[in-house]
PDB file of N, CA and C in Angstrom:
ATOM      1  N   MET A   1     115.816  16.648 -33.303  1.00  0.00           N
ATOM      2  CA  MET A   1     116.481  17.663 -34.218  1.00  0.00           C
ATOM      3  C   MET A   1     116.504  17.123 -35.695  1.00  0.00           C
ATOM      4  N   LEU A   2     116.707  15.883 -36.003  1.00  0.00           N
ATOM      5  CA  LEU A   2     116.742  15.265 -37.232  1.00  0.00           C
ATOM      6  C   LEU A   2     115.278  15.393 -37.820  1.00  0.00           C
ATOM      7  N   ARG A   3     114.263  15.104 -36.883  1.00  0.00           N
ATOM      8  CA  ARG A   3     112.987  15.181 -37.325  1.00  0.00           C
ATOM      9  C   ARG A   3     112.619  16.598 -37.825  1.00  0.00           C
ATOM     10  N   THR A   4     113.105  17.563 -37.150  1.00  0.00           N
ATOM     11  CA  THR A   4     112.765  19.073 -37.547  1.00  0.00           C
ATOM     12  C   THR A   4     113.379  19.235 -38.920  1.00  0.00           C
ATOM     13  N   LEU A   5     114.612  18.834 -39.181  1.00  0.00           N
ATOM     14  CA  LEU A   5     115.230  18.951 -40.462  1.00  0.00           C
ATOM     15  C   LEU A   5     114.564  18.312 -41.560  1.00  0.00           C
ATOM     16  N   LEU A   6     114.058  17.113 -41.293  1.00  0.00           N
ATOM     17  CA  LEU A   6     113.338  16.248 -42.301  1.00  0.00           C
ATOM     18  C   LEU A   6     111.919  16.966 -42.609  1.00  0.00           C
ATOM     19  N   THR A   7     111.373  17.560 -41.506  1.00  0.00           N
ATOM     20  CA  THR A   7     110.120  18.297 -41.699  1.00  0.00           C
ATOM     21  C   THR A   7     110.291  19.562 -42.612  1.00  0.00           C
ATOM     22  N   ILE A   8     111.282  20.343 -42.312  1.00  0.00           N
ATOM     23  CA  ILE A   8     111.554  21.413 -43.177  1.00  0.00           C
ATOM     24  C   ILE A   8     111.844  21.076 -44.570  1.00  0.00           C
ATOM     25  N   GLY A   9     112.668  20.052 -44.731  1.00  0.00           N
ATOM     26  CA  GLY A   9     113.032  19.574 -46.035  1.00  0.00           C
ATOM     27  C   GLY A   9     111.725  19.046 -46.902  1.00  0.00           C
ATOM     28  N   PHE A  10     110.840  18.389 -46.200  1.00  0.00           N
ATOM     29  CA  PHE A  10     109.640  17.923 -46.805  1.00  0.00           C
ATOM     30  C   PHE A  10     108.772  19.099 -47.206  1.00  0.00           C
ATOM     31  N   ILE A  11     108.607  20.156 -46.302  1.00  0.00           N
ATOM     32  CA  ILE A  11     107.692  21.174 -46.604  1.00  0.00           C
ATOM     33  C   ILE A  11     108.363  22.104 -47.754  1.00  0.00           C
ATOM     34  N   ALA A  12     109.700  22.130 -47.799  1.00  0.00           N
ATOM     35  CA  ALA A  12     110.269  22.719 -48.912  1.00  0.00           C
ATOM     36  C   ALA A  12     110.098  21.928 -50.281  1.00  0.00           C
ATOM     37  N   LEU A  13     110.156  20.591 -50.246  1.00  0.00           N
ATOM     38  CA  LEU A  13     109.815  19.963 -51.442  1.00  0.00           C
ATOM     39  C   LEU A  13     108.285  20.032 -51.908  1.00  0.00           C
ATOM     40  N   VAL A  14     107.450  20.066 -51.053  1.00  0.00           N
ATOM     41  CA  VAL A  14     106.086  20.291 -51.256  1.00  0.00           C
ATOM     42  C   VAL A  14     105.766  21.772 -51.777  1.00  0.00           C
ATOM     43  N   GLY A  15     106.564  22.636 -51.332  1.00  0.00           N
ATOM     44  CA  GLY A  15     106.419  24.035 -51.868  1.00  0.00           C
ATOM     45  C   GLY A  15     107.032  24.073 -53.270  1.00  0.00           C
ATOM     46  N   LEU A  16     108.063  23.488 -53.570  1.00  0.00           N
ATOM     47  CA  LEU A  16     108.602  23.386 -54.837  1.00  0.00           C
ATOM     48  C   LEU A  16     107.674  22.823 -55.840  1.00  0.00           C
ATOM     49  N   PHE A  17     107.064  21.633 -55.443  1.00  0.00           N
ATOM     50  CA  PHE A  17     106.181  20.985 -56.210  1.00  0.00           C
ATOM     51  C   PHE A  17     104.837  21.803 -56.436  1.00  0.00           C
ATOM     52  N   ALA A  18     104.467  22.561 -55.579  1.00  0.00           N
ATOM     53  CA  ALA A  18     103.263  23.481 -55.712  1.00  0.00           C
ATOM     54  C   ALA A  18     103.616  24.554 -56.754  1.00  0.00           C
ATOM     55  N   LEU A  19     104.870  25.147 -56.522  1.00  0.00           N
ATOM     56  CA  LEU A  19     105.183  26.330 -57.513  1.00  0.00           C
ATOM     57  C   LEU A  19     105.290  25.634 -58.941  1.00  0.00           C
ATOM     58  N   LYS A  20     105.860  24.441 -59.112  1.00  0.00           N
ATOM     59  CA  LYS A  20     105.884  23.981 -60.391  1.00  0.00           C
ATOM     60  C   LYS A  20     104.545  23.767 -61.022  1.00  0.00           C
ATOM     61  N   VAL A  21     103.560  23.270 -60.134  1.00  0.00           N
ATOM     62  CA  VAL A  21     102.313  22.912 -60.657  1.00  0.00           C
ATOM     63  C   VAL A  21     101.605  24.290 -61.071  1.00  0.00           C
ATOM     64  N   VAL A  22     101.682  25.266 -60.211  1.00  0.00           N
ATOM     65  CA  VAL A  22     100.994  26.501 -60.445  1.00  0.00           C
ATOM     66  C   VAL A  22     101.563  27.179 -61.619  1.00  0.00           C
ATOM     67  N   PHE A  23     102.847  27.278 -61.818  1.00  0.00           N
ATOM     68  CA  PHE A  23     103.412  28.033 -62.965  1.00  0.00           C
ATOM     69  C   PHE A  23     103.291  27.204 -64.270  1.00  0.00           C
ATOM     70  N   GLY A  24     103.195  25.810 -64.057  1.00  0.00           N
ATOM     71  CA  GLY A  24     102.951  25.035 -65.274  1.00  0.00           C
ATOM     72  C   GLY A  24     101.540  25.200 -65.840  1.00  0.00           C
ATOM     73  N   LEU A  25     100.576  25.529 -64.982  1.00  0.00           N
ATOM     74  CA  LEU A  25      99.263  25.838 -65.325  1.00  0.00           C
ATOM     75  C   LEU A  25      99.035  27.177 -65.847  1.00  0.00           C
ATOM     76  N   LEU A  26      99.714  28.128 -65.196  1.00  0.00           N
ATOM     77  CA  LEU A  26      99.583  29.628 -65.542  1.00  0.00           C
ATOM     78  C   LEU A  26     100.362  29.905 -66.830  1.00  0.00           C
ATOM     79  N   GLY A  27     101.412  29.106 -67.290  1.00  0.00           N
ATOM     80  CA  GLY A  27     102.181  29.569 -68.387  1.00  0.00           C
ATOM     81  C   GLY A  27     101.335  29.684 -69.691  1.00  0.00           C
ATOM     82  N   PRO A  28     100.507  28.794 -69.960  1.00  0.00           N
ATOM     83  CA  PRO A  28      99.665  28.956 -71.165  1.00  0.00           C
ATOM     84  C   PRO A  28      98.759  30.075 -71.002  1.00  0.00           C
ATOM     85  N   LEU A  29      98.292  30.301 -69.789  1.00  0.00           N
ATOM     86  CA  LEU A  29      97.306  31.416 -69.744  1.00  0.00           C
ATOM     87  C   LEU A  29      98.103  32.672 -69.913  1.00  0.00           C
ATOM     88  N   VAL A  30      99.264  32.893 -69.426  1.00  0.00           N
ATOM     89  CA  VAL A  30      99.952  34.095 -69.784  1.00  0.00           C
ATOM     90  C   VAL A  30     100.263  34.213 -71.254  1.00  0.00           C
ATOM     91  N   GLY A  31     100.561  33.176 -71.846  1.00  0.00           N
ATOM     92  CA  GLY A  31     100.746  33.175 -73.436  1.00  0.00           C
ATOM     93  C   GLY A  31      99.459  33.608 -74.093  1.00  0.00           C
ATOM     94  N   LEU A  32      98.356  33.080 -73.634  1.00  0.00           N
ATOM     95  CA  LEU A  32      97.075  33.489 -74.288  1.00  0.00           C
ATOM     96  C   LEU A  32      96.852  35.032 -73.959  1.00  0.00           C
ATOM     97  N   LEU A  33      97.103  35.459 -72.762  1.00  0.00           N
ATOM     98  CA  LEU A  33      96.937  36.885 -72.525  1.00  0.00           C
ATOM     99  C   LEU A  33      97.764  37.736 -73.334  1.00  0.00           C
ATOM    100  N   LEU A  34      99.068  37.338 -73.607  1.00  0.00           N
ATOM    101  CA  LEU A  34      99.834  38.171 -74.543  1.00  0.00           C
ATOM    102  C   LEU A  34      99.303  38.096 -76.006  1.00  0.00           C
ATOM    103  N   ILE A  35      98.833  36.998 -76.481  1.00  0.00           N
ATOM    104  CA  ILE A  35      98.280  36.908 -77.794  1.00  0.00           C
ATOM    105  C   ILE A  35      97.055  37.803 -77.912  1.00  0.00           C
ATOM    106  N   LEU A  36      96.230  37.842 -76.970  1.00  0.00           N
ATOM    107  CA  LEU A  36      94.945  38.679 -76.887  1.00  0.00           C
ATOM    108  C   LEU A  36      95.428  40.241 -76.818  1.00  0.00           C
ATOM    109  N   LEU A  37      96.395  40.493 -75.987  1.00  0.00           N
ATOM    110  CA  LEU A  37      96.885  41.875 -75.935  1.00  0.00           C
ATOM    111  C   LEU A  37      97.432  42.355 -77.279  1.00  0.00           C
ATOM    112  N   GLY A  38      98.311  41.504 -78.070  1.00  0.00           N
ATOM    113  CA  GLY A  38      98.678  41.769 -79.328  1.00  0.00           C
ATOM    114  C   GLY A  38      97.554  42.030 -80.312  1.00  0.00           C
ATOM    115  N   LEU A  39      96.525  41.298 -80.202  1.00  0.00           N
ATOM    116  CA  LEU A  39      95.390  41.526 -81.116  1.00  0.00           C
ATOM    117  C   LEU A  39      94.803  42.792 -80.822  1.00  0.00           C
ATOM    118  N   ALA A  40      94.595  43.054 -79.587  1.00  0.00           N
ATOM    119  CA  ALA A  40      93.879  44.248 -79.209  1.00  0.00           C
ATOM    120  C   ALA A  40      94.793  45.564 -79.573  1.00  0.00           C
ATOM    121  N   VAL A  41      96.059  45.503 -79.598  1.00  0.00           N
ATOM    122  CA  VAL A  41      96.890  46.588 -79.971  1.00  0.00           C
ATOM    123  C   VAL A  41      96.744  46.763 -81.474  1.00  0.00           C
ATOM    124  N   LYS A  42      96.684  45.635 -82.291  1.00  0.00           N
ATOM    125  CA  LYS A  42      96.563  45.697 -83.840  1.00  0.00           C
ATOM    126  C   LYS A  42      95.220  46.285 -84.061  1.00  0.00           C
ATOM    127  N   LEU A  43      94.135  45.892 -83.520  1.00  0.00           N
ATOM    128  CA  LEU A  43      92.972  46.409 -83.816  1.00  0.00           C
ATOM    129  C   LEU A  43      92.855  47.967 -83.432  1.00  0.00           C
ATOM    130  N   ALA A  44      93.442  48.363 -82.336  1.00  0.00           N
ATOM    131  CA  ALA A  44      93.439  49.842 -82.060  1.00  0.00           C
ATOM    132  C   ALA A  44      94.275  50.667 -83.021  1.00  0.00           C
ATOM    133  N   LEU A  45      95.278  50.084 -83.522  1.00  0.00           N
ATOM    134  CA  LEU A  45      96.026  50.773 -84.464  1.00  0.00           C
ATOM    135  C   LEU A  45      95.232  50.912 -85.896  1.00  0.00           C
ATOM    136  N   ILE A  46      94.480  49.794 -86.221  1.00  0.00           N
ATOM    137  CA  ILE A  46      93.751  49.810 -87.362  1.00  0.00           C
ATOM    138  C   ILE A  46      92.714  50.931 -87.189  1.00  0.00           C
ATOM    139  N   GLY A  47      92.038  50.809 -86.191  1.00  0.00           N
ATOM    140  CA  GLY A  47      90.999  51.815 -85.942  1.00  0.00           C
ATOM    141  C   GLY A  47      91.469  53.383 -85.898  1.00  0.00           C
ATOM    142  N   ALA A  48      92.659  53.530 -85.451  1.00  0.00           N
ATOM    143  CA  ALA A  48      93.180  54.942 -85.431  1.00  0.00           C
ATOM    144  C   ALA A  48      93.550  55.280 -86.713  1.00  0.00           C
ATOM    145  N   VAL A  49      94.097  54.384 -87.597  1.00  0.00           N
ATOM    146  CA  VAL A  49      94.458  54.868 -88.960  1.00  0.00           C
ATOM    147  C   VAL A  49      93.141  55.057 -89.723  1.00  0.00           C
ATOM    148  N   LEU A  50      92.019  54.251 -89.565  1.00  0.00           N
ATOM    149  CA  LEU A  50      90.774  54.596 -90.272  1.00  0.00           C
ATOM    150  C   LEU A  50      90.199  55.850 -89.743  1.00  0.00           C
ATOM    151  N   TYR A  51      90.347  56.255 -88.549  1.00  0.00           N
ATOM    152  CA  TYR A  51      89.804  57.441 -87.966  1.00  0.00           C
ATOM    153  C   TYR A  51      90.524  58.669 -88.584  1.00  0.00           C
ATOM    154  N   VAL A  52      91.815  58.520 -88.800  1.00  0.00           N
ATOM    155  CA  VAL A  52      92.598  59.578 -89.303  1.00  0.00           C
ATOM    156  C   VAL A  52      92.290  59.749 -90.679  1.00  0.00           C
ATOM    157  N   VAL A  53      92.037  58.676 -91.540  1.00  0.00           N
ATOM    158  CA  VAL A  53      91.721  58.754 -92.953  1.00  0.00           C
ATOM    159  C   VAL A  53      90.363  59.352 -92.978  1.00  0.00           C
ATOM    160  N   LEU A  54      89.357  59.060 -92.143  1.00  0.00           N
ATOM    161  CA  LEU A  54      88.043  59.567 -92.156  1.00  0.00           C
ATOM    162  C   LEU A  54      88.019  61.126 -91.756  1.00  0.00           C
ATOM    163  N   ARG A  55      88.899  61.467 -90.947  1.00  0.00           N
ATOM    164  CA  ARG A  55      89.107  62.815 -90.516  1.00  0.00           C
ATOM    165  C   ARG A  55      89.590  63.629 -91.750  1.00  0.00           C
ATOM    166  N   VAL A  56      90.452  63.040 -92.426  1.00  0.00           N
ATOM    167  CA  VAL A  56      90.953  63.833 -93.593  1.00  0.00           C
ATOM    168  C   VAL A  56      89.994  63.845 -94.740  1.00  0.00           C
ATOM    169  N   ILE A  57      89.392  62.882 -95.066  1.00  0.00           N
ATOM    170  CA  ILE A  57      88.430  62.835 -96.177  1.00  0.00           C
ATOM    171  C   ILE A  57      87.079  63.517 -95.771  1.00  0.00           C
ATOM    172  N   SER A  58      86.617  63.306 -94.676  1.00  0.00           N
ATOM    173  CA  SER A  58      85.271  63.822 -94.249  1.00  0.00           C
ATOM    174  C   SER A  58      85.292  64.389 -92.679  1.00  0.00           C
ATOM    175  N   PRO A  59      85.777  65.636 -92.522  1.00  0.00           N
ATOM    176  CA  PRO A  59      85.782  65.933 -91.168  1.00  0.00           C
ATOM    177  C   PRO A  59      84.465  66.095 -90.357  1.00  0.00           C
ATOM    178  N   ASP A  60      83.507  66.393 -91.063  1.00  0.00           N
ATOM    179  CA  ASP A  60      82.003  66.501 -90.474  1.00  0.00           C
ATOM    180  C   ASP A  60      81.644  65.102 -89.917  1.00  0.00           C
ATOM    181  N   THR A  61      81.819  64.092 -90.665  1.00  0.00           N
ATOM    182  CA  THR A  61      81.560  62.624 -90.237  1.00  0.00           C
ATOM    183  C   THR A  61      82.385  62.244 -89.078  1.00  0.00           C
ATOM    184  N   ALA A  62      83.587  62.654 -89.051  1.00  0.00           N
ATOM    185  CA  ALA A  62      84.585  62.347 -87.946  1.00  0.00           C
ATOM    186  C   ALA A  62      84.082  63.030 -86.592  1.00  0.00           C
ATOM    187  N   LYS A  63      83.557  64.201 -86.822  1.00  0.00           N
ATOM    188  CA  LYS A  63      83.163  65.044 -85.572  1.00  0.00           C
ATOM    189  C   LYS A  63      81.855  64.383 -85.144  1.00  0.00           C
ATOM    190  N   ARG A  64      80.876  63.771 -85.924  1.00  0.00           N
ATOM    191  CA  ARG A  64      79.704  63.260 -85.540  1.00  0.00           C
ATOM    192  C   ARG A  64      80.017  61.837 -84.700  1.00  0.00           C
ATOM    193  N   ILE A  65      81.050  61.200 -85.292  1.00  0.00           N
ATOM    194  CA  ILE A  65      81.354  59.911 -84.539  1.00  0.00           C
ATOM    195  C   ILE A  65      82.033  60.181 -83.252  1.00  0.00           C
ATOM    196  N   THR A  66      82.923  61.225 -83.114  1.00  0.00           N
ATOM    197  CA  THR A  66      83.589  61.661 -81.945  1.00  0.00           C
ATOM    198  C   THR A  66      82.543  62.078 -80.965  1.00  0.00           C
ATOM    199  N   GLY A  67      81.493  62.864 -81.498  1.00  0.00           N
ATOM    200  CA  GLY A  67      80.364  63.267 -80.662  1.00  0.00           C
ATOM    201  C   GLY A  67      79.588  62.121 -79.895  1.00  0.00           C
ATOM    202  N   LYS A  68      79.460  61.107 -80.780  1.00  0.00           N
ATOM    203  CA  LYS A  68      78.583  60.004 -80.200  1.00  0.00           C
ATOM    204  C   LYS A  68      79.254  59.294 -79.129  1.00  0.00           C
ATOM    205  N   PHE A  69      80.705  59.178 -79.098  1.00  0.00           N
ATOM    206  CA  PHE A  69      81.470  58.487 -78.108  1.00  0.00           C
ATOM    207  C   PHE A  69      81.711  59.376 -76.895  1.00  0.00           C
ATOM    208  N   ARG A  70      81.570  60.699 -77.053  1.00  0.00           N
ATOM    209  CA  ARG A  70      81.722  61.685 -75.883  1.00  0.00           C
ATOM    210  C   ARG A  70      80.546  61.730 -75.038  1.00  0.00           C
ATOM    211  N   ASP A  71      79.399  61.654 -75.670  1.00  0.00           N
ATOM    212  CA  ASP A  71      78.158  61.793 -74.913  1.00  0.00           C
ATOM    213  C   ASP A  71      77.774  60.446 -74.170  1.00  0.00           C
TER     214      ASP A  71
END
């Protein structure tokens, strides 16, 4: 019975160590992912603003650009 309790405790400690290692390694990757996501959102907003300005200034050019992406 004591051996079973010690085995369960050892397995729990190994599991906690494994979780700490995994989340310790994945933490910077999640941070990098969030930075890249923020950059993508900023670029999409800049592109949308430029497209709206182009659509106001030159609607024909905006239609040609839209047509290239639809085909």
